[in-house]
Amino acid sequence: MDRALTGSLDLLGEVLIIAIVKLRCVLCVHSVVFFVTLHFCPINIQVTQATTISPIYRPTEYLLALPSQLPSSQLFNIMNAILSRLVLMGITCWLMLFSFESASAQGKSQMVRLAKLQIDVAQLESYKAALKDEIETSVRVEPGVLTLYAVSEKDNPTHIMVFEIYANTDAYKAHVETPHFKKYKNITKEMVKSLELIETVSIALVSKAK
């Protein structure tokens, strides 16, 4: 098989896989026939002296008429290549769907909570430094700590909120037993005037990839 045909097959595979990954199109038999005929045999078939079948406007009829227009050896090579690519794409799509289902199941088991704190104004800067150090360490060394965001109210900086996402409840239980978390709790126990832990139910957790 020549390089042009092989390149077209690879290009077709990449286009279909990207479309499935982005979940932006629904594959159907007619679209598959269209891409197959357009990329593999980009010529019009002369059925009669007055009738020409175009792969763009009449892809199904084009494919049905194809066997009578090509040598059997070339037709066999084309169909064999199509079958091989389709099998490979089928396996790839199955693996991607399996990964997507696993990720969805993992998302349902995540533990999401919100911590609301009020800090002693005289010790606010010391507390912020201790919190920053604890958050950076936790995210860096604990696989089960997925997200820790800490913010303070603009007009009331002693009111701090920490948004926390853990892989599951076991990850959270392991987190509170780590040396760096215990160090943080010990350092800040006289700085925190109040603490409220709010359990939440996820509605939509979306972020752009970095």
C-alpha atoms as a PDB file:
ATOM      1  CA  MET A   1       0.000   0.000   0.000  1.00  0.00           C
ATOM      2  CA  ASP A   2       1.412   3.440  -0.935  1.00  0.00           C
ATOM      3  CA  ARG A   3       2.313   6.119   1.599  1.00  0.00           C
ATOM      4  CA  ALA A   4      -0.526   8.415   0.570  1.00  0.00           C
ATOM      5  CA  LEU A   5      -3.120   5.753   1.391  1.00  0.00           C
ATOM      6  CA  THR A   6      -1.445   4.930   4.711  1.00  0.00           C
ATOM      7  CA  GLY A   7      -1.301   8.625   5.619  1.00  0.00           C
ATOM      8  CA  SER A   8      -4.982   9.015   4.787  1.00  0.00           C
ATOM      9  CA  LEU A   9      -5.860   6.044   7.009  1.00  0.00           C
ATOM     10  CA  ASP A  10      -3.853   7.448   9.912  1.00  0.00           C
ATOM     11  CA  LEU A  11      -5.430  10.871   9.433  1.00  0.00           C
ATOM     12  CA  LEU A  12      -8.909   9.334   9.467  1.00  0.00           C
ATOM     13  CA  GLY A  13      -8.147   7.488  12.684  1.00  0.00           C
ATOM     14  CA  GLU A  14      -6.890  10.645  14.388  1.00  0.00           C
ATOM     15  CA  VAL A  15      -9.920  12.673  13.304  1.00  0.00           C
ATOM     16  CA  LEU A  16     -12.387  10.104  14.643  1.00  0.00           C
ATOM     17  CA  ILE A  17     -10.536   9.607  17.928  1.00  0.00           C
ATOM     18  CA  ILE A  18     -10.282  13.371  18.594  1.00  0.00           C
ATOM     19  CA  ALA A  19     -14.000  13.754  17.888  1.00  0.00           C
ATOM     20  CA  ILE A  20     -14.883  11.022  20.374  1.00  0.00           C
ATOM     21  CA  VAL A  21     -12.529  12.339  23.071  1.00  0.00           C
ATOM     22  CA  LYS A  22     -14.067  15.810  22.900  1.00  0.00           C
ATOM     23  CA  LEU A  23     -17.587  14.341  22.824  1.00  0.00           C
ATOM     24  CA  ARG A  24     -18.494  16.800  20.077  1.00  0.00           C
ATOM     25  CA  CYS A  25     -20.021  14.448  17.479  1.00  0.00           C
ATOM     26  CA  VAL A  26     -22.109  11.317  17.201  1.00  0.00           C
ATOM     27  CA  LEU A  27     -20.680   8.732  14.832  1.00  0.00           C
ATOM     28  CA  CYS A  28     -23.107   7.169  12.387  1.00  0.00           C
ATOM     29  CA  VAL A  29     -22.834   4.781   9.459  1.00  0.00           C
ATOM     30  CA  HIS A  30     -23.305   7.474   6.858  1.00  0.00           C
ATOM     31  CA  SER A  31     -20.512   9.685   8.232  1.00  0.00           C
ATOM     32  CA  VAL A  32     -18.133   6.704   8.337  1.00  0.00           C
ATOM     33  CA  VAL A  33     -18.910   5.915   4.699  1.00  0.00           C
ATOM     34  CA  PHE A  34     -18.366   9.565   3.807  1.00  0.00           C
ATOM     35  CA  PHE A  35     -14.907   9.762   5.400  1.00  0.00           C
ATOM     36  CA  VAL A  36     -13.858   6.354   4.064  1.00  0.00           C
ATOM     37  CA  THR A  37     -14.750   7.196   0.501  1.00  0.00           C
ATOM     38  CA  LEU A  38     -13.504  10.773   0.618  1.00  0.00           C
ATOM     39  CA  HIS A  39     -10.048   9.927   1.983  1.00  0.00           C
ATOM     40  CA  PHE A  40      -9.388   6.529   0.421  1.00  0.00           C
ATOM     41  CA  CYS A  41     -10.761   7.019  -3.084  1.00  0.00           C
ATOM     42  CA  PRO A  42     -11.053  10.758  -3.844  1.00  0.00           C
ATOM     43  CA  ILE A  43     -12.220  10.217  -7.430  1.00  0.00           C
ATOM     44  CA  ASN A  44     -15.623  10.216  -9.077  1.00  0.00           C
ATOM     45  CA  ILE A  45     -16.933   6.921 -10.410  1.00  0.00           C
ATOM     46  CA  GLN A  46     -18.319   6.842 -13.949  1.00  0.00           C
ATOM     47  CA  VAL A  47     -21.347   4.538 -13.748  1.00  0.00           C
ATOM     48  CA  THR A  48     -22.678   5.388 -17.173  1.00  0.00           C
ATOM     49  CA  GLN A  49     -21.694   7.871 -19.821  1.00  0.00           C
ATOM     50  CA  ALA A  50     -24.220  10.352 -18.426  1.00  0.00           C
ATOM     51  CA  THR A  51     -24.014   9.617 -14.703  1.00  0.00           C
ATOM     52  CA  THR A  52     -21.151  10.301 -12.322  1.00  0.00           C
ATOM     53  CA  ILE A  53     -21.271   9.362  -8.630  1.00  0.00           C
ATOM     54  CA  SER A  54     -19.461  11.756  -6.287  1.00  0.00           C
ATOM     55  CA  PRO A  55     -18.043  10.524  -2.963  1.00  0.00           C
ATOM     56  CA  ILE A  56     -19.045  13.849  -1.388  1.00  0.00           C
ATOM     57  CA  TYR A  57     -22.718  14.069  -2.380  1.00  0.00           C
ATOM     58  CA  ARG A  58     -23.605  10.367  -2.812  1.00  0.00           C
ATOM     59  CA  PRO A  59     -21.168   8.446  -0.571  1.00  0.00           C
ATOM     60  CA  THR A  60     -23.300   5.316  -0.087  1.00  0.00           C
ATOM     61  CA  GLU A  61     -23.860   4.756  -3.801  1.00  0.00           C
ATOM     62  CA  TYR A  62     -20.198   5.551  -4.412  1.00  0.00           C
ATOM     63  CA  LEU A  63     -19.067   2.819  -2.026  1.00  0.00           C
ATOM     64  CA  LEU A  64     -21.465   0.272  -3.518  1.00  0.00           C
ATOM     65  CA  ALA A  65     -20.177   1.004  -7.013  1.00  0.00           C
ATOM     66  CA  LEU A  66     -16.518   0.912  -5.936  1.00  0.00           C
ATOM     67  CA  PRO A  67     -15.811  -2.848  -6.439  1.00  0.00           C
ATOM     68  CA  SER A  68     -16.531  -2.691 -10.143  1.00  0.00           C
ATOM     69  CA  GLN A  69     -14.130   0.228 -10.661  1.00  0.00           C
ATOM     70  CA  LEU A  70     -10.941  -1.074  -8.987  1.00  0.00           C
ATOM     71  CA  PRO A  71      -8.649  -4.078  -9.502  1.00  0.00           C
ATOM     72  CA  SER A  72      -9.372  -6.833  -6.986  1.00  0.00           C
ATOM     73  CA  SER A  73      -5.886  -6.615  -5.448  1.00  0.00           C
ATOM     74  CA  GLN A  74      -6.205  -2.876  -4.788  1.00  0.00           C
ATOM     75  CA  LEU A  75      -9.736  -3.282  -3.444  1.00  0.00           C
ATOM     76  CA  PHE A  76      -8.552  -6.035  -1.079  1.00  0.00           C
ATOM     77  CA  ASN A  77      -5.739  -3.843   0.244  1.00  0.00           C
ATOM     78  CA  ILE A  78      -8.095  -0.939   0.837  1.00  0.00           C
ATOM     79  CA  MET A  79     -10.729  -3.025   2.629  1.00  0.00           C
ATOM     80  CA  ASN A  80      -8.102  -4.800   4.720  1.00  0.00           C
ATOM     81  CA  ALA A  81      -6.633  -1.460   5.797  1.00  0.00           C
ATOM     82  CA  ILE A  82     -10.090  -0.095   6.635  1.00  0.00           C
ATOM     83  CA  LEU A  83     -10.926  -3.162   8.712  1.00  0.00           C
ATOM     84  CA  SER A  84      -7.623  -2.991  10.601  1.00  0.00           C
ATOM     85  CA  ARG A  85      -8.094   0.707  11.396  1.00  0.00           C
ATOM     86  CA  LEU A  86     -11.694   0.197  12.488  1.00  0.00           C
ATOM     87  CA  VAL A  87     -10.711  -2.631  14.846  1.00  0.00           C
ATOM     88  CA  LEU A  88      -7.951  -0.490  16.329  1.00  0.00           C
ATOM     89  CA  MET A  89     -10.267   2.505  16.713  1.00  0.00           C
ATOM     90  CA  GLY A  90     -12.910   0.287  18.294  1.00  0.00           C
ATOM     91  CA  ILE A  91     -10.463  -0.922  20.930  1.00  0.00           C
ATOM     92  CA  THR A  92      -9.252   2.640  21.545  1.00  0.00           C
ATOM     93  CA  CYS A  93     -12.796   3.957  21.917  1.00  0.00           C
ATOM     94  CA  TRP A  94     -13.691   1.172  24.341  1.00  0.00           C
ATOM     95  CA  LEU A  95     -10.667   2.006  26.484  1.00  0.00           C
ATOM     96  CA  MET A  96     -11.556   5.721  26.472  1.00  0.00           C
ATOM     97  CA  LEU A  97     -15.158   5.000  27.460  1.00  0.00           C
ATOM     98  CA  PHE A  98     -13.959   2.690  30.232  1.00  0.00           C
ATOM     99  CA  SER A  99     -11.648   5.416  31.527  1.00  0.00           C
ATOM    100  CA  PHE A 100     -14.473   7.964  31.371  1.00  0.00           C
ATOM    101  CA  GLU A 101     -16.784   5.691  33.382  1.00  0.00           C
ATOM    102  CA  SER A 102     -14.050   5.104  35.950  1.00  0.00           C
ATOM    103  CA  ALA A 103     -13.457   8.850  36.274  1.00  0.00           C
ATOM    104  CA  SER A 104     -17.196   9.446  36.707  1.00  0.00           C
ATOM    105  CA  ALA A 105     -17.376   6.828  39.445  1.00  0.00           C
ATOM    106  CA  GLN A 106     -14.373   8.381  41.147  1.00  0.00           C
ATOM    107  CA  GLY A 107     -16.015  11.812  41.002  1.00  0.00           C
ATOM    108  CA  LYS A 108     -19.087  10.479  42.801  1.00  0.00           C
ATOM    109  CA  SER A 109     -16.956   9.167  45.682  1.00  0.00           C
ATOM    110  CA  GLN A 110     -15.106  12.440  46.220  1.00  0.00           C
ATOM    111  CA  MET A 111     -15.453  14.256  49.531  1.00  0.00           C
ATOM    112  CA  VAL A 112     -16.061  17.987  49.163  1.00  0.00           C
ATOM    113  CA  ARG A 113     -16.304  20.325  52.132  1.00  0.00           C
ATOM    114  CA  LEU A 114     -16.055  23.977  53.043  1.00  0.00           C
ATOM    115  CA  ALA A 115     -14.269  25.235  56.163  1.00  0.00           C
ATOM    116  CA  LYS A 116     -15.196  28.687  57.490  1.00  0.00           C
ATOM    117  CA  LEU A 117     -12.810  30.201  60.025  1.00  0.00           C
ATOM    118  CA  GLN A 118     -12.539  33.407  62.005  1.00  0.00           C
ATOM    119  CA  ILE A 119      -8.973  34.349  62.937  1.00  0.00           C
ATOM    120  CA  ASP A 120      -7.632  36.571  65.696  1.00  0.00           C
ATOM    121  CA  VAL A 121      -6.780  39.837  63.963  1.00  0.00           C
ATOM    122  CA  ALA A 122      -3.494  40.219  65.861  1.00  0.00           C
ATOM    123  CA  GLN A 123      -2.288  36.856  64.547  1.00  0.00           C
ATOM    124  CA  LEU A 124      -3.763  36.976  61.046  1.00  0.00           C
ATOM    125  CA  GLU A 125      -0.485  37.141  59.122  1.00  0.00           C
ATOM    126  CA  SER A 126       1.020  34.290  61.150  1.00  0.00           C
ATOM    127  CA  TYR A 127      -2.068  32.193  60.528  1.00  0.00           C
ATOM    128  CA  LYS A 128      -2.035  32.858  56.774  1.00  0.00           C
ATOM    129  CA  ALA A 129       1.612  31.759  56.574  1.00  0.00           C
ATOM    130  CA  ALA A 130       0.885  28.540  58.484  1.00  0.00           C
ATOM    131  CA  LEU A 131      -2.190  27.778  56.358  1.00  0.00           C
ATOM    132  CA  LYS A 132      -0.307  28.392  53.109  1.00  0.00           C
ATOM    133  CA  ASP A 133       2.492  26.054  54.181  1.00  0.00           C
ATOM    134  CA  GLU A 134       0.039  23.311  55.201  1.00  0.00           C
ATOM    135  CA  ILE A 135      -1.954  23.532  51.965  1.00  0.00           C
ATOM    136  CA  GLU A 136       1.104  23.436  49.708  1.00  0.00           C
ATOM    137  CA  THR A 137       2.540  20.449  51.596  1.00  0.00           C
ATOM    138  CA  SER A 138      -0.738  18.522  51.582  1.00  0.00           C
ATOM    139  CA  VAL A 139      -1.322  18.913  47.836  1.00  0.00           C
ATOM    140  CA  ARG A 140       2.301  18.068  47.065  1.00  0.00           C
ATOM    141  CA  VAL A 141       2.715  14.899  49.158  1.00  0.00           C
ATOM    142  CA  GLU A 142      -0.803  13.460  49.498  1.00  0.00           C
ATOM    143  CA  PRO A 143      -2.321  11.798  46.407  1.00  0.00           C
ATOM    144  CA  GLY A 144      -5.770  11.822  48.003  1.00  0.00           C
ATOM    145  CA  VAL A 145      -5.795  15.599  48.515  1.00  0.00           C
ATOM    146  CA  LEU A 146      -7.099  16.849  45.173  1.00  0.00           C
ATOM    147  CA  THR A 147      -7.854  20.519  45.806  1.00  0.00           C
ATOM    148  CA  LEU A 148      -7.341  23.026  48.617  1.00  0.00           C
ATOM    149  CA  TYR A 149      -8.336  26.637  47.979  1.00  0.00           C
ATOM    150  CA  ALA A 150      -8.081  29.245  50.745  1.00  0.00           C
ATOM    151  CA  VAL A 151      -9.546  32.753  50.444  1.00  0.00           C
ATOM    152  CA  SER A 152     -10.453  35.594  52.799  1.00  0.00           C
ATOM    153  CA  GLU A 153     -13.315  38.065  52.604  1.00  0.00           C
ATOM    154  CA  LYS A 154     -12.206  41.299  50.981  1.00  0.00           C
ATOM    155  CA  ASP A 155     -13.965  43.539  53.495  1.00  0.00           C
ATOM    156  CA  ASN A 156     -13.407  41.208  56.448  1.00  0.00           C
ATOM    157  CA  PRO A 157      -9.958  39.597  56.083  1.00  0.00           C
ATOM    158  CA  THR A 158     -10.137  37.708  59.374  1.00  0.00           C
ATOM    159  CA  HIS A 159     -12.949  35.595  57.877  1.00  0.00           C
ATOM    160  CA  ILE A 160     -11.297  32.817  55.872  1.00  0.00           C
ATOM    161  CA  MET A 161     -12.826  30.009  53.833  1.00  0.00           C
ATOM    162  CA  VAL A 162     -11.055  26.858  52.679  1.00  0.00           C
ATOM    163  CA  PHE A 163     -12.566  24.808  49.851  1.00  0.00           C
ATOM    164  CA  GLU A 164     -11.428  21.177  50.112  1.00  0.00           C
ATOM    165  CA  ILE A 165     -11.741  18.223  47.729  1.00  0.00           C
ATOM    166  CA  TYR A 166     -10.501  14.763  48.711  1.00  0.00           C
ATOM    167  CA  ALA A 167     -10.522  11.617  46.605  1.00  0.00           C
ATOM    168  CA  ASN A 168     -12.744   9.927  49.211  1.00  0.00           C
ATOM    169  CA  THR A 169     -13.399   9.842  52.950  1.00  0.00           C
ATOM    170  CA  ASP A 170     -10.402   7.566  53.532  1.00  0.00           C
ATOM    171  CA  ALA A 171      -8.147  10.190  51.931  1.00  0.00           C
ATOM    172  CA  TYR A 172      -9.557  12.811  54.298  1.00  0.00           C
ATOM    173  CA  LYS A 173      -9.067  10.578  57.336  1.00  0.00           C
ATOM    174  CA  ALA A 174      -5.460   9.953  56.265  1.00  0.00           C
ATOM    175  CA  HIS A 175      -4.962  13.701  55.726  1.00  0.00           C
ATOM    176  CA  VAL A 176      -5.875  14.693  59.276  1.00  0.00           C
ATOM    177  CA  GLU A 177      -3.393  12.145  60.634  1.00  0.00           C
ATOM    178  CA  THR A 178      -0.402  13.461  58.690  1.00  0.00           C
ATOM    179  CA  PRO A 179       2.465  15.195  60.555  1.00  0.00           C
ATOM    180  CA  HIS A 180       2.119  18.426  58.570  1.00  0.00           C
ATOM    181  CA  PHE A 181      -1.602  18.720  59.345  1.00  0.00           C
ATOM    182  CA  LYS A 182      -1.039  18.039  63.051  1.00  0.00           C
ATOM    183  CA  LYS A 183       1.739  20.641  63.018  1.00  0.00           C
ATOM    184  CA  TYR A 184      -0.647  23.162  61.449  1.00  0.00           C
ATOM    185  CA  LYS A 185      -3.344  22.437  64.031  1.00  0.00           C
ATOM    186  CA  ASN A 186      -0.879  22.790  66.893  1.00  0.00           C
ATOM    187  CA  ILE A 187       0.566  26.080  65.605  1.00  0.00           C
ATOM    188  CA  THR A 188      -2.810  27.692  64.886  1.00  0.00           C
ATOM    189  CA  LYS A 189      -4.923  26.447  67.808  1.00  0.00           C
ATOM    190  CA  GLU A 190      -4.647  29.831  69.603  1.00  0.00           C
ATOM    191  CA  MET A 191      -5.158  31.804  66.387  1.00  0.00           C
ATOM    192  CA  VAL A 192      -8.522  30.385  65.367  1.00  0.00           C
ATOM    193  CA  LYS A 193     -11.461  32.012  67.138  1.00  0.00           C
ATOM    194  CA  SER A 194     -14.122  29.871  65.410  1.00  0.00           C
ATOM    195  CA  LEU A 195     -14.282  26.993  62.936  1.00  0.00           C
ATOM    196  CA  GLU A 196     -17.277  25.681  60.999  1.00  0.00           C
ATOM    197  CA  LEU A 197     -17.001  22.621  58.749  1.00  0.00           C
ATOM    198  CA  ILE A 198     -19.727  22.410  56.112  1.00  0.00           C
ATOM    199  CA  GLU A 199     -20.353  19.127  54.323  1.00  0.00           C
ATOM    200  CA  THR A 200     -21.438  19.658  50.726  1.00  0.00           C
ATOM    201  CA  VAL A 201     -22.948  17.826  47.750  1.00  0.00           C
ATOM    202  CA  SER A 202     -21.265  18.507  44.414  1.00  0.00           C
ATOM    203  CA  ILE A 203     -23.359  20.093  41.679  1.00  0.00           C
ATOM    204  CA  ALA A 204     -20.693  21.056  39.129  1.00  0.00           C
ATOM    205  CA  LEU A 205     -16.924  21.041  39.607  1.00  0.00           C
ATOM    206  CA  VAL A 206     -15.288  22.343  36.431  1.00  0.00           C
ATOM    207  CA  SER A 207     -11.873  23.863  35.823  1.00  0.00           C
ATOM    208  CA  LYS A 208      -9.685  24.576  32.831  1.00  0.00           C
ATOM    209  CA  ALA A 209      -6.693  22.315  32.271  1.00  0.00           C
ATOM    210  CA  LYS A 210      -3.416  23.976  33.216  1.00  0.00           C
END
